[in-house]
Amino acid sequence: MELRLQSSNILEYLEQTKIVDYHHPLVIKAAKELSTNVSNEIELALIIYEYVRDKISHSADIEGKAVTCCASEVLKIKEGICYAKSHLLAALMRCNGIPCGFCYQLLRLENEESPLVIHGLNAIYLKSINKWIRLDSRGNKSGVNAQFLLEKEKLAFNIRDEFDEINYPIVFSKPDFNVIAALENSKSLDELWANLPSALYTKIL
């Protein structure tokens, strides 16, 4: 799939925001530690990706109780759902000078009778190969095996057209409004599961 950038300004994919709060001391510390003794951009991106994928738990996998949203919060508590983990990945990449945006899929998380919900992941720009690649830091488990690959992407979930699932091609510079609203307005994970967005706020043509 050919990715399309929401913004032509690469600097928007390096911005520090309320959600991608990479000026927070915790994020700065982690970003610095992850970049120590790294020889090149691709190695650094891989280290950051595997850290978020493997060291930050997906809340559903551990029966967690916290609803996290901004990058520093995810890093402090060490858990979050896909959206939250994508915010941390963006913060750590951007803090290290790697442009990073947000991508989404529309999925049925179980079978064809499950409701369609938005799933969050990322795309990063690697200057050394002049290419954007998508990465899914959801966290691997039985049936999920996402990897960092430069040519053929390997995400957490394959799109099933027969289930009306969708791969959105846009790389957004900011997290989707509906995603943030779901996280910020949910007081518990049970409430969040019941209120996962079924559509993006931004209409895609």
N, C-alpha and C. Protein backbone atom coordinates (compact mmCIF):
# COMPACT_ATOMS: atom_id res chain seq x y z
N MET A 1 0.84 -1.20 0.00
CA MET A 1 0.00 0.00 0.00
C MET A 1 0.88 1.25 0.00
N GLU A 2 0.54 2.21 -0.84
CA GLU A 2 1.29 3.47 -0.90
C GLU A 2 0.78 4.42 0.17
N LEU A 3 1.68 4.86 1.05
CA LEU A 3 1.31 5.76 2.12
C LEU A 3 1.20 7.19 1.60
N ARG A 4 0.26 7.95 2.20
CA ARG A 4 0.08 9.36 1.84
C ARG A 4 0.22 10.20 3.10
N LEU A 5 0.99 11.28 3.01
CA LEU A 5 1.21 12.15 4.16
C LEU A 5 0.08 13.15 4.30
N GLN A 6 -0.41 13.31 5.52
CA GLN A 6 -1.43 14.33 5.78
C GLN A 6 -0.84 15.71 5.57
N SER A 7 0.43 15.89 5.94
CA SER A 7 1.09 17.19 5.82
C SER A 7 2.36 17.05 4.99
N SER A 8 2.63 18.05 4.17
CA SER A 8 3.85 18.06 3.38
C SER A 8 5.03 18.64 4.17
N ASN A 9 4.74 19.14 5.37
CA ASN A 9 5.77 19.74 6.22
C ASN A 9 6.33 18.68 7.16
N ILE A 10 7.54 18.23 6.88
CA ILE A 10 8.14 17.15 7.68
C ILE A 10 8.29 17.55 9.14
N LEU A 11 8.39 18.85 9.42
CA LEU A 11 8.57 19.30 10.79
C LEU A 11 7.35 18.98 11.66
N GLU A 12 6.18 18.83 11.04
CA GLU A 12 5.00 18.49 11.82
C GLU A 12 5.09 17.07 12.38
N TYR A 13 5.93 16.26 11.78
CA TYR A 13 6.12 14.89 12.26
C TYR A 13 7.24 14.79 13.29
N LEU A 14 7.73 15.97 13.71
CA LEU A 14 8.74 16.05 14.76
C LEU A 14 8.26 16.89 15.94
N GLU A 15 7.02 17.34 15.89
CA GLU A 15 6.51 18.25 16.91
C GLU A 15 6.35 17.59 18.28
N GLN A 16 6.56 18.41 19.31
CA GLN A 16 6.26 18.04 20.68
C GLN A 16 4.89 18.58 21.01
N THR A 17 3.99 17.77 21.52
CA THR A 17 2.62 18.20 21.82
C THR A 17 2.20 17.72 23.21
N LYS A 18 0.98 18.02 23.57
CA LYS A 18 0.43 17.56 24.86
C LYS A 18 0.44 16.04 24.94
N ILE A 19 0.16 15.38 23.84
CA ILE A 19 0.11 13.91 23.81
C ILE A 19 1.49 13.31 23.53
N VAL A 20 2.18 13.88 22.57
CA VAL A 20 3.54 13.44 22.24
C VAL A 20 4.51 14.34 23.02
N ASP A 21 4.54 14.15 24.33
CA ASP A 21 5.23 15.10 25.23
C ASP A 21 6.68 14.68 25.47
N TYR A 22 7.48 14.77 24.41
CA TYR A 22 8.84 14.27 24.54
C TYR A 22 9.79 15.23 25.24
N HIS A 23 9.30 16.37 25.72
CA HIS A 23 10.12 17.24 26.56
C HIS A 23 9.99 16.85 28.03
N HIS A 24 9.16 15.87 28.32
CA HIS A 24 9.01 15.39 29.69
C HIS A 24 10.30 14.66 30.09
N PRO A 25 10.78 14.88 31.33
CA PRO A 25 12.05 14.26 31.76
C PRO A 25 12.10 12.75 31.59
N LEU A 26 11.00 12.06 31.84
CA LEU A 26 11.00 10.60 31.69
C LEU A 26 11.24 10.18 30.25
N VAL A 27 10.62 10.91 29.32
CA VAL A 27 10.77 10.58 27.91
C VAL A 27 12.18 10.92 27.44
N ILE A 28 12.68 12.07 27.86
CA ILE A 28 14.04 12.46 27.50
C ILE A 28 15.04 11.42 27.98
N LYS A 29 14.88 10.97 29.22
CA LYS A 29 15.80 9.97 29.80
C LYS A 29 15.75 8.67 29.00
N ALA A 30 14.54 8.19 28.70
CA ALA A 30 14.41 6.94 27.95
C ALA A 30 14.97 7.07 26.54
N ALA A 31 14.68 8.20 25.89
CA ALA A 31 15.16 8.42 24.52
C ALA A 31 16.69 8.44 24.48
N LYS A 32 17.29 9.04 25.49
CA LYS A 32 18.75 9.10 25.55
C LYS A 32 19.34 7.73 25.79
N GLU A 33 18.75 6.98 26.72
CA GLU A 33 19.26 5.63 27.03
C GLU A 33 19.16 4.71 25.82
N LEU A 34 18.06 4.80 25.09
CA LEU A 34 17.86 3.93 23.93
C LEU A 34 18.82 4.25 22.80
N SER A 35 19.28 5.50 22.75
CA SER A 35 20.17 5.91 21.65
C SER A 35 21.65 5.76 21.98
N THR A 36 21.97 5.31 23.20
CA THR A 36 23.37 5.18 23.61
C THR A 36 24.06 4.08 22.79
N ASN A 37 25.24 4.41 22.28
CA ASN A 37 26.07 3.46 21.52
C ASN A 37 25.39 2.92 20.26
N VAL A 38 24.45 3.69 19.71
CA VAL A 38 23.79 3.30 18.46
C VAL A 38 24.56 3.89 17.29
N SER A 39 24.78 3.09 16.26
CA SER A 39 25.66 3.52 15.18
C SER A 39 24.95 4.20 14.02
N ASN A 40 23.64 3.94 13.85
CA ASN A 40 22.97 4.55 12.70
C ASN A 40 21.47 4.68 12.96
N GLU A 41 20.82 5.39 12.07
CA GLU A 41 19.40 5.71 12.20
C GLU A 41 18.52 4.47 12.22
N ILE A 42 18.77 3.52 11.36
CA ILE A 42 17.93 2.33 11.28
C ILE A 42 18.06 1.49 12.55
N GLU A 43 19.27 1.35 13.04
CA GLU A 43 19.47 0.62 14.30
C GLU A 43 18.72 1.30 15.44
N LEU A 44 18.78 2.63 15.49
CA LEU A 44 18.10 3.37 16.54
C LEU A 44 16.59 3.18 16.45
N ALA A 45 16.05 3.27 15.24
CA ALA A 45 14.60 3.10 15.06
C ALA A 45 14.16 1.70 15.50
N LEU A 46 14.96 0.69 15.16
CA LEU A 46 14.64 -0.68 15.56
C LEU A 46 14.65 -0.83 17.07
N ILE A 47 15.64 -0.26 17.74
CA ILE A 47 15.74 -0.36 19.20
C ILE A 47 14.53 0.30 19.87
N ILE A 48 14.16 1.48 19.38
CA ILE A 48 13.00 2.18 19.94
C ILE A 48 11.73 1.37 19.73
N TYR A 49 11.56 0.87 18.51
CA TYR A 49 10.37 0.10 18.19
C TYR A 49 10.25 -1.14 19.08
N GLU A 50 11.32 -1.90 19.20
CA GLU A 50 11.26 -3.13 19.98
C GLU A 50 11.07 -2.84 21.46
N TYR A 51 11.58 -1.69 21.92
CA TYR A 51 11.36 -1.31 23.32
C TYR A 51 9.87 -1.09 23.58
N VAL A 52 9.22 -0.30 22.74
CA VAL A 52 7.80 -0.02 22.95
C VAL A 52 6.96 -1.28 22.74
N ARG A 53 7.29 -2.04 21.71
CA ARG A 53 6.54 -3.27 21.43
C ARG A 53 6.65 -4.28 22.57
N ASP A 54 7.87 -4.46 23.10
CA ASP A 54 8.13 -5.57 24.01
C ASP A 54 8.17 -5.19 25.49
N LYS A 55 8.53 -3.97 25.80
CA LYS A 55 8.70 -3.58 27.21
C LYS A 55 7.52 -2.80 27.78
N ILE A 56 6.66 -2.30 26.91
CA ILE A 56 5.44 -1.63 27.36
C ILE A 56 4.28 -2.58 27.09
N SER A 57 3.60 -2.99 28.13
CA SER A 57 2.55 -4.01 27.99
C SER A 57 1.30 -3.44 27.35
N HIS A 58 0.65 -4.26 26.52
CA HIS A 58 -0.68 -3.90 26.05
C HIS A 58 -1.66 -4.24 27.18
N SER A 59 -2.49 -3.29 27.54
CA SER A 59 -3.35 -3.45 28.71
C SER A 59 -4.22 -4.69 28.65
N ALA A 60 -4.69 -5.03 27.46
CA ALA A 60 -5.56 -6.20 27.33
C ALA A 60 -4.81 -7.50 27.61
N ASP A 61 -3.51 -7.51 27.30
CA ASP A 61 -2.73 -8.74 27.46
C ASP A 61 -2.41 -9.04 28.92
N ILE A 62 -2.39 -8.01 29.76
CA ILE A 62 -2.03 -8.21 31.16
C ILE A 62 -3.21 -7.97 32.10
N GLU A 63 -4.40 -7.83 31.50
CA GLU A 63 -5.59 -7.49 32.30
C GLU A 63 -5.30 -6.25 33.16
N GLY A 64 -4.71 -5.26 32.51
CA GLY A 64 -4.34 -4.03 33.20
C GLY A 64 -5.54 -3.23 33.66
N LYS A 65 -5.26 -2.19 34.42
CA LYS A 65 -6.35 -1.39 34.99
C LYS A 65 -6.22 0.10 34.65
N ALA A 66 -5.08 0.50 34.09
CA ALA A 66 -4.85 1.93 33.84
C ALA A 66 -5.21 2.30 32.41
N VAL A 67 -5.84 3.47 32.26
CA VAL A 67 -6.06 4.06 30.94
C VAL A 67 -5.02 5.15 30.76
N THR A 68 -4.06 4.91 29.88
CA THR A 68 -3.00 5.88 29.65
C THR A 68 -3.19 6.53 28.28
N CYS A 69 -2.60 7.71 28.13
CA CYS A 69 -2.78 8.43 26.86
C CYS A 69 -1.49 9.10 26.40
N CYS A 70 -1.01 10.10 27.14
CA CYS A 70 0.18 10.82 26.69
C CYS A 70 1.42 9.95 26.89
N ALA A 71 2.45 10.24 26.12
CA ALA A 71 3.64 9.40 26.09
C ALA A 71 4.28 9.21 27.46
N SER A 72 4.42 10.29 28.22
CA SER A 72 5.08 10.19 29.52
C SER A 72 4.29 9.32 30.49
N GLU A 73 2.98 9.37 30.39
CA GLU A 73 2.13 8.54 31.25
C GLU A 73 2.28 7.06 30.90
N VAL A 74 2.31 6.77 29.61
CA VAL A 74 2.50 5.39 29.16
C VAL A 74 3.85 4.87 29.65
N LEU A 75 4.87 5.70 29.54
CA LEU A 75 6.21 5.31 29.95
C LEU A 75 6.29 5.10 31.46
N LYS A 76 5.64 5.94 32.21
CA LYS A 76 5.67 5.84 33.68
C LYS A 76 4.97 4.58 34.17
N ILE A 77 3.80 4.27 33.59
CA ILE A 77 3.00 3.14 34.07
C ILE A 77 3.39 1.84 33.36
N LYS A 78 4.05 1.98 32.20
CA LYS A 78 4.53 0.82 31.43
C LYS A 78 3.39 -0.01 30.85
N GLU A 79 2.27 0.64 30.55
CA GLU A 79 1.19 -0.07 29.87
C GLU A 79 0.31 0.90 29.11
N GLY A 80 -0.44 0.37 28.16
CA GLY A 80 -1.38 1.16 27.39
C GLY A 80 -1.97 0.30 26.29
N ILE A 81 -3.05 0.77 25.68
CA ILE A 81 -3.57 0.04 24.52
C ILE A 81 -2.84 0.56 23.27
N CYS A 82 -3.23 0.08 22.11
CA CYS A 82 -2.48 0.39 20.89
C CYS A 82 -2.28 1.89 20.68
N TYR A 83 -3.34 2.68 20.92
CA TYR A 83 -3.24 4.12 20.71
C TYR A 83 -2.15 4.73 21.60
N ALA A 84 -2.21 4.38 22.88
CA ALA A 84 -1.27 4.93 23.85
C ALA A 84 0.16 4.54 23.52
N LYS A 85 0.35 3.28 23.13
CA LYS A 85 1.69 2.83 22.77
C LYS A 85 2.20 3.56 21.53
N SER A 86 1.30 3.89 20.60
CA SER A 86 1.72 4.64 19.42
C SER A 86 2.14 6.06 19.78
N HIS A 87 1.54 6.63 20.82
CA HIS A 87 1.94 7.96 21.27
C HIS A 87 3.34 7.93 21.86
N LEU A 88 3.64 6.88 22.62
CA LEU A 88 4.99 6.75 23.19
C LEU A 88 6.02 6.51 22.09
N LEU A 89 5.71 5.65 21.14
CA LEU A 89 6.64 5.40 20.04
C LEU A 89 6.96 6.69 19.31
N ALA A 90 5.94 7.50 19.04
CA ALA A 90 6.15 8.77 18.35
C ALA A 90 7.04 9.69 19.17
N ALA A 91 6.81 9.74 20.46
CA ALA A 91 7.61 10.63 21.32
C ALA A 91 9.08 10.22 21.34
N LEU A 92 9.34 8.93 21.46
CA LEU A 92 10.73 8.46 21.52
C LEU A 92 11.43 8.64 20.17
N MET A 93 10.70 8.40 19.08
CA MET A 93 11.28 8.61 17.75
C MET A 93 11.57 10.09 17.55
N ARG A 94 10.59 10.93 17.79
CA ARG A 94 10.75 12.37 17.55
C ARG A 94 11.83 12.97 18.42
N CYS A 95 11.91 12.52 19.67
CA CYS A 95 12.94 13.03 20.57
C CYS A 95 14.33 12.73 20.04
N ASN A 96 14.45 11.65 19.28
CA ASN A 96 15.73 11.28 18.67
C ASN A 96 15.85 11.75 17.22
N GLY A 97 14.96 12.64 16.80
CA GLY A 97 15.08 13.26 15.48
C GLY A 97 14.54 12.44 14.33
N ILE A 98 13.78 11.38 14.61
CA ILE A 98 13.19 10.56 13.55
C ILE A 98 11.73 10.95 13.36
N PRO A 99 11.35 11.50 12.21
CA PRO A 99 9.95 11.88 11.99
C PRO A 99 9.03 10.67 12.15
N CYS A 100 7.92 10.89 12.85
CA CYS A 100 7.00 9.79 13.14
C CYS A 100 5.57 10.31 13.11
N GLY A 101 4.70 9.58 12.43
CA GLY A 101 3.29 9.93 12.37
C GLY A 101 2.41 8.80 12.85
N PHE A 102 1.11 8.98 12.68
CA PHE A 102 0.12 8.05 13.20
C PHE A 102 -0.70 7.47 12.05
N CYS A 103 -0.89 6.16 12.09
CA CYS A 103 -1.67 5.45 11.09
C CYS A 103 -2.77 4.66 11.78
N TYR A 104 -3.79 4.31 11.01
CA TYR A 104 -4.93 3.60 11.61
C TYR A 104 -5.47 2.54 10.66
N GLN A 105 -6.05 1.54 11.29
CA GLN A 105 -6.80 0.50 10.58
C GLN A 105 -8.18 0.40 11.21
N LEU A 106 -9.12 -0.12 10.47
CA LEU A 106 -10.45 -0.43 10.99
C LEU A 106 -10.57 -1.95 11.02
N LEU A 107 -10.72 -2.50 12.22
CA LEU A 107 -10.64 -3.95 12.39
C LEU A 107 -11.80 -4.51 13.20
N ARG A 108 -12.04 -5.79 13.01
CA ARG A 108 -12.87 -6.57 13.93
C ARG A 108 -11.89 -7.39 14.76
N LEU A 109 -11.83 -7.15 16.04
CA LEU A 109 -10.77 -7.73 16.86
C LEU A 109 -10.96 -9.22 17.11
N GLU A 110 -12.12 -9.75 16.83
CA GLU A 110 -12.32 -11.18 17.02
C GLU A 110 -12.82 -11.82 15.72
N ASN A 111 -14.12 -11.94 15.54
CA ASN A 111 -14.65 -12.60 14.35
C ASN A 111 -15.51 -11.64 13.54
N GLU A 112 -16.17 -12.19 12.52
CA GLU A 112 -16.96 -11.33 11.62
C GLU A 112 -18.15 -10.69 12.29
N GLU A 113 -18.50 -11.15 13.49
CA GLU A 113 -19.63 -10.56 14.21
C GLU A 113 -19.19 -9.50 15.21
N SER A 114 -17.88 -9.34 15.40
CA SER A 114 -17.37 -8.32 16.30
C SER A 114 -17.57 -6.94 15.70
N PRO A 115 -17.75 -5.91 16.53
CA PRO A 115 -17.88 -4.55 15.98
C PRO A 115 -16.58 -4.07 15.36
N LEU A 116 -16.69 -3.22 14.37
CA LEU A 116 -15.51 -2.59 13.77
C LEU A 116 -14.99 -1.49 14.68
N VAL A 117 -13.69 -1.51 14.97
CA VAL A 117 -13.08 -0.49 15.82
C VAL A 117 -11.77 -0.03 15.19
N ILE A 118 -11.35 1.16 15.57
CA ILE A 118 -10.10 1.73 15.08
C ILE A 118 -8.91 1.13 15.84
N HIS A 119 -7.89 0.75 15.09
CA HIS A 119 -6.63 0.27 15.66
C HIS A 119 -5.53 1.25 15.29
N GLY A 120 -4.66 1.57 16.25
CA GLY A 120 -3.62 2.57 16.02
C GLY A 120 -2.22 2.00 15.89
N LEU A 121 -1.46 2.57 14.96
CA LEU A 121 -0.06 2.21 14.77
C LEU A 121 0.70 3.45 14.31
N ASN A 122 1.91 3.27 13.80
CA ASN A 122 2.74 4.42 13.42
C ASN A 122 3.37 4.23 12.05
N ALA A 123 3.91 5.35 11.53
CA ALA A 123 4.82 5.30 10.39
C ALA A 123 5.99 6.22 10.71
N ILE A 124 7.19 5.80 10.35
CA ILE A 124 8.38 6.62 10.57
C ILE A 124 9.07 6.89 9.23
N TYR A 125 9.77 8.02 9.19
CA TYR A 125 10.54 8.36 7.99
C TYR A 125 12.01 8.11 8.26
N LEU A 126 12.62 7.27 7.44
CA LEU A 126 14.04 6.97 7.56
C LEU A 126 14.78 7.72 6.45
N LYS A 127 15.51 8.74 6.85
CA LYS A 127 16.21 9.59 5.88
C LYS A 127 17.26 8.81 5.11
N SER A 128 17.90 7.87 5.77
CA SER A 128 19.00 7.13 5.14
C SER A 128 18.55 6.29 3.95
N ILE A 129 17.25 5.93 3.91
CA ILE A 129 16.73 5.19 2.75
C ILE A 129 15.60 5.95 2.06
N ASN A 130 15.36 7.19 2.52
CA ASN A 130 14.33 8.05 1.93
C ASN A 130 12.99 7.33 1.81
N LYS A 131 12.51 6.82 2.94
CA LYS A 131 11.30 6.00 2.89
C LYS A 131 10.52 6.07 4.20
N TRP A 132 9.19 6.11 4.06
CA TRP A 132 8.30 5.95 5.20
C TRP A 132 7.95 4.48 5.34
N ILE A 133 8.00 3.95 6.56
CA ILE A 133 7.57 2.58 6.81
C ILE A 133 6.61 2.56 7.99
N ARG A 134 5.64 1.67 7.93
CA ARG A 134 4.69 1.53 9.04
C ARG A 134 5.20 0.51 10.05
N LEU A 135 4.94 0.80 11.32
CA LEU A 135 5.33 -0.08 12.42
C LEU A 135 4.15 -0.21 13.38
N ASP A 136 3.94 -1.42 13.89
CA ASP A 136 2.86 -1.66 14.83
C ASP A 136 3.46 -2.14 16.15
N SER A 137 3.40 -1.30 17.16
CA SER A 137 4.02 -1.62 18.46
C SER A 137 3.01 -2.17 19.46
N ARG A 138 1.87 -2.68 18.97
CA ARG A 138 0.83 -3.21 19.84
C ARG A 138 1.36 -4.17 20.88
N GLY A 139 2.31 -5.01 20.49
CA GLY A 139 2.84 -6.04 21.36
C GLY A 139 2.47 -7.41 20.85
N ASN A 140 3.45 -8.29 20.73
CA ASN A 140 3.21 -9.61 20.16
C ASN A 140 2.66 -10.59 21.19
N LYS A 141 1.90 -11.53 20.70
CA LYS A 141 1.32 -12.60 21.52
C LYS A 141 0.97 -13.72 20.55
N SER A 142 0.32 -14.75 21.03
CA SER A 142 -0.10 -15.83 20.13
C SER A 142 -0.99 -15.27 19.03
N GLY A 143 -0.60 -15.50 17.78
CA GLY A 143 -1.37 -15.00 16.65
C GLY A 143 -1.01 -13.60 16.21
N VAL A 144 -0.14 -12.92 16.95
CA VAL A 144 0.29 -11.56 16.59
C VAL A 144 1.82 -11.54 16.57
N ASN A 145 2.40 -11.19 15.43
CA ASN A 145 3.86 -11.22 15.29
C ASN A 145 4.33 -10.05 14.43
N ALA A 146 4.18 -8.85 14.95
CA ALA A 146 4.61 -7.65 14.22
C ALA A 146 6.12 -7.50 14.29
N GLN A 147 6.72 -7.02 13.19
CA GLN A 147 8.18 -6.91 13.11
C GLN A 147 8.59 -5.59 12.45
N PHE A 148 9.83 -5.21 12.65
CA PHE A 148 10.44 -4.05 12.01
C PHE A 148 11.07 -4.52 10.70
N LEU A 149 10.46 -4.17 9.58
CA LEU A 149 10.97 -4.57 8.28
C LEU A 149 11.01 -3.35 7.36
N LEU A 150 12.03 -3.27 6.53
CA LEU A 150 12.20 -2.12 5.65
C LEU A 150 11.50 -2.28 4.31
N GLU A 151 11.27 -3.49 3.89
CA GLU A 151 10.68 -3.71 2.57
C GLU A 151 9.20 -4.12 2.68
N LYS A 152 8.94 -5.33 3.08
CA LYS A 152 7.57 -5.81 3.19
C LYS A 152 7.12 -5.72 4.64
N GLU A 153 6.16 -4.83 4.93
CA GLU A 153 5.76 -4.60 6.32
C GLU A 153 5.09 -5.84 6.92
N LYS A 154 5.30 -5.99 8.24
CA LYS A 154 4.68 -7.09 8.98
C LYS A 154 4.03 -6.48 10.22
N LEU A 155 2.74 -6.19 10.11
CA LEU A 155 2.00 -5.53 11.18
C LEU A 155 1.33 -6.56 12.08
N ALA A 156 0.69 -6.08 13.12
CA ALA A 156 0.04 -6.98 14.07
C ALA A 156 -1.16 -7.70 13.45
N PHE A 157 -1.87 -7.00 12.56
CA PHE A 157 -3.10 -7.56 11.99
C PHE A 157 -3.12 -7.43 10.48
N ASN A 158 -3.52 -8.50 9.81
CA ASN A 158 -3.75 -8.46 8.37
C ASN A 158 -5.20 -8.05 8.12
N ILE A 159 -5.38 -7.20 7.13
CA ILE A 159 -6.72 -6.73 6.79
C ILE A 159 -7.51 -7.85 6.09
N ARG A 160 -8.73 -8.04 6.58
CA ARG A 160 -9.63 -9.04 5.97
C ARG A 160 -10.76 -8.30 5.26
N ASP A 161 -10.64 -8.22 3.95
CA ASP A 161 -11.63 -7.49 3.16
C ASP A 161 -13.03 -8.06 3.34
N GLU A 162 -13.12 -9.37 3.51
CA GLU A 162 -14.43 -10.00 3.65
C GLU A 162 -15.14 -9.62 4.95
N PHE A 163 -14.38 -9.05 5.90
CA PHE A 163 -14.96 -8.57 7.15
C PHE A 163 -15.15 -7.05 7.14
N ASP A 164 -14.95 -6.44 5.97
CA ASP A 164 -15.09 -4.98 5.80
C ASP A 164 -14.03 -4.20 6.57
N GLU A 165 -12.89 -4.82 6.81
CA GLU A 165 -11.79 -4.12 7.48
C GLU A 165 -11.10 -3.19 6.49
N ILE A 166 -10.44 -2.14 7.02
CA ILE A 166 -9.85 -1.12 6.17
C ILE A 166 -8.44 -0.78 6.64
N ASN A 167 -7.54 -0.64 5.67
CA ASN A 167 -6.19 -0.12 5.88
C ASN A 167 -6.18 1.33 5.45
N TYR A 168 -6.16 2.28 6.35
CA TYR A 168 -6.13 3.69 5.94
C TYR A 168 -4.70 4.07 5.52
N PRO A 169 -4.53 4.71 4.37
CA PRO A 169 -3.19 4.97 3.84
C PRO A 169 -2.54 6.26 4.36
N ILE A 170 -3.26 7.02 5.15
CA ILE A 170 -2.77 8.34 5.56
C ILE A 170 -1.82 8.25 6.76
N VAL A 171 -0.73 9.01 6.70
CA VAL A 171 0.16 9.18 7.84
C VAL A 171 -0.16 10.54 8.45
N PHE A 172 -0.83 10.52 9.59
CA PHE A 172 -1.24 11.75 10.26
C PHE A 172 -0.10 12.30 11.12
N SER A 173 -0.03 13.62 11.21
CA SER A 173 1.00 14.23 12.05
C SER A 173 0.58 14.27 13.52
N LYS A 174 -0.72 14.17 13.77
CA LYS A 174 -1.25 14.18 15.13
C LYS A 174 -2.20 13.00 15.32
N PRO A 175 -2.32 12.52 16.55
CA PRO A 175 -3.29 11.44 16.80
C PRO A 175 -4.70 11.90 16.46
N ASP A 176 -5.55 10.97 16.04
CA ASP A 176 -6.91 11.30 15.68
C ASP A 176 -7.71 11.79 16.89
N PHE A 177 -8.57 12.77 16.67
CA PHE A 177 -9.37 13.35 17.75
C PHE A 177 -10.25 12.30 18.44
N ASN A 178 -10.87 11.41 17.68
CA ASN A 178 -11.74 10.39 18.28
C ASN A 178 -10.96 9.44 19.18
N VAL A 179 -9.73 9.16 18.80
CA VAL A 179 -8.87 8.30 19.62
C VAL A 179 -8.56 8.97 20.95
N ILE A 180 -8.15 10.23 20.89
CA ILE A 180 -7.82 10.95 22.12
C ILE A 180 -9.04 11.10 23.01
N ALA A 181 -10.19 11.39 22.42
CA ALA A 181 -11.42 11.54 23.21
C ALA A 181 -11.77 10.24 23.93
N ALA A 182 -11.62 9.12 23.26
CA ALA A 182 -11.92 7.83 23.89
C ALA A 182 -11.02 7.58 25.08
N LEU A 183 -9.74 7.89 24.95
CA LEU A 183 -8.80 7.68 26.05
C LEU A 183 -9.05 8.65 27.20
N GLU A 184 -9.23 9.91 26.88
CA GLU A 184 -9.35 10.92 27.93
C GLU A 184 -10.70 10.88 28.64
N ASN A 185 -11.72 10.37 27.98
CA ASN A 185 -13.06 10.35 28.59
C ASN A 185 -13.42 9.03 29.25
N SER A 186 -12.51 8.07 29.23
CA SER A 186 -12.78 6.77 29.85
C SER A 186 -12.11 6.70 31.22
N LYS A 187 -12.89 6.41 32.23
CA LYS A 187 -12.35 6.37 33.60
C LYS A 187 -11.80 5.00 33.96
N SER A 188 -12.10 3.99 33.15
CA SER A 188 -11.60 2.64 33.40
C SER A 188 -11.42 1.95 32.06
N LEU A 189 -10.69 0.84 32.08
CA LEU A 189 -10.51 0.09 30.84
C LEU A 189 -11.82 -0.52 30.36
N ASP A 190 -12.66 -0.95 31.29
CA ASP A 190 -13.97 -1.47 30.88
C ASP A 190 -14.76 -0.43 30.12
N GLU A 191 -14.69 0.81 30.59
CA GLU A 191 -15.39 1.90 29.91
C GLU A 191 -14.74 2.17 28.55
N LEU A 192 -13.42 2.08 28.51
CA LEU A 192 -12.70 2.31 27.25
C LEU A 192 -13.06 1.23 26.22
N TRP A 193 -13.09 -0.04 26.64
CA TRP A 193 -13.44 -1.12 25.71
C TRP A 193 -14.82 -0.89 25.10
N ALA A 194 -15.71 -0.34 25.90
CA ALA A 194 -17.08 -0.10 25.42
C ALA A 194 -17.17 1.13 24.53
N ASN A 195 -16.13 1.95 24.54
CA ASN A 195 -16.20 3.21 23.80
C ASN A 195 -15.06 3.38 22.78
N LEU A 196 -14.49 2.28 22.33
CA LEU A 196 -13.47 2.38 21.30
C LEU A 196 -14.07 3.01 20.04
N PRO A 197 -13.39 3.95 19.43
CA PRO A 197 -13.96 4.61 18.24
C PRO A 197 -14.14 3.65 17.08
N SER A 198 -15.25 3.81 16.38
CA SER A 198 -15.54 2.97 15.21
C SER A 198 -15.27 3.71 13.91
N ALA A 199 -14.77 4.94 14.02
CA ALA A 199 -14.44 5.73 12.83
C ALA A 199 -13.43 6.79 13.22
N LEU A 200 -12.69 7.27 12.24
CA LEU A 200 -11.77 8.39 12.45
C LEU A 200 -12.54 9.69 12.41
N TYR A 201 -12.07 10.66 13.18
CA TYR A 201 -12.67 11.99 13.16
C TYR A 201 -12.42 12.67 11.81
N THR A 202 -11.21 12.50 11.29
CA THR A 202 -10.85 13.08 10.00
C THR A 202 -11.34 12.20 8.87
N LYS A 203 -12.13 12.75 8.00
CA LYS A 203 -12.66 11.98 6.87
C LYS A 203 -11.56 11.76 5.83
N ILE A 204 -11.46 10.53 5.35
CA ILE A 204 -10.44 10.19 4.37
C ILE A 204 -11.09 10.00 3.00
N LEU A 205 -10.63 10.77 2.04
CA LEU A 205 -11.20 10.69 0.69
C LEU A 205 -10.55 9.57 -0.11
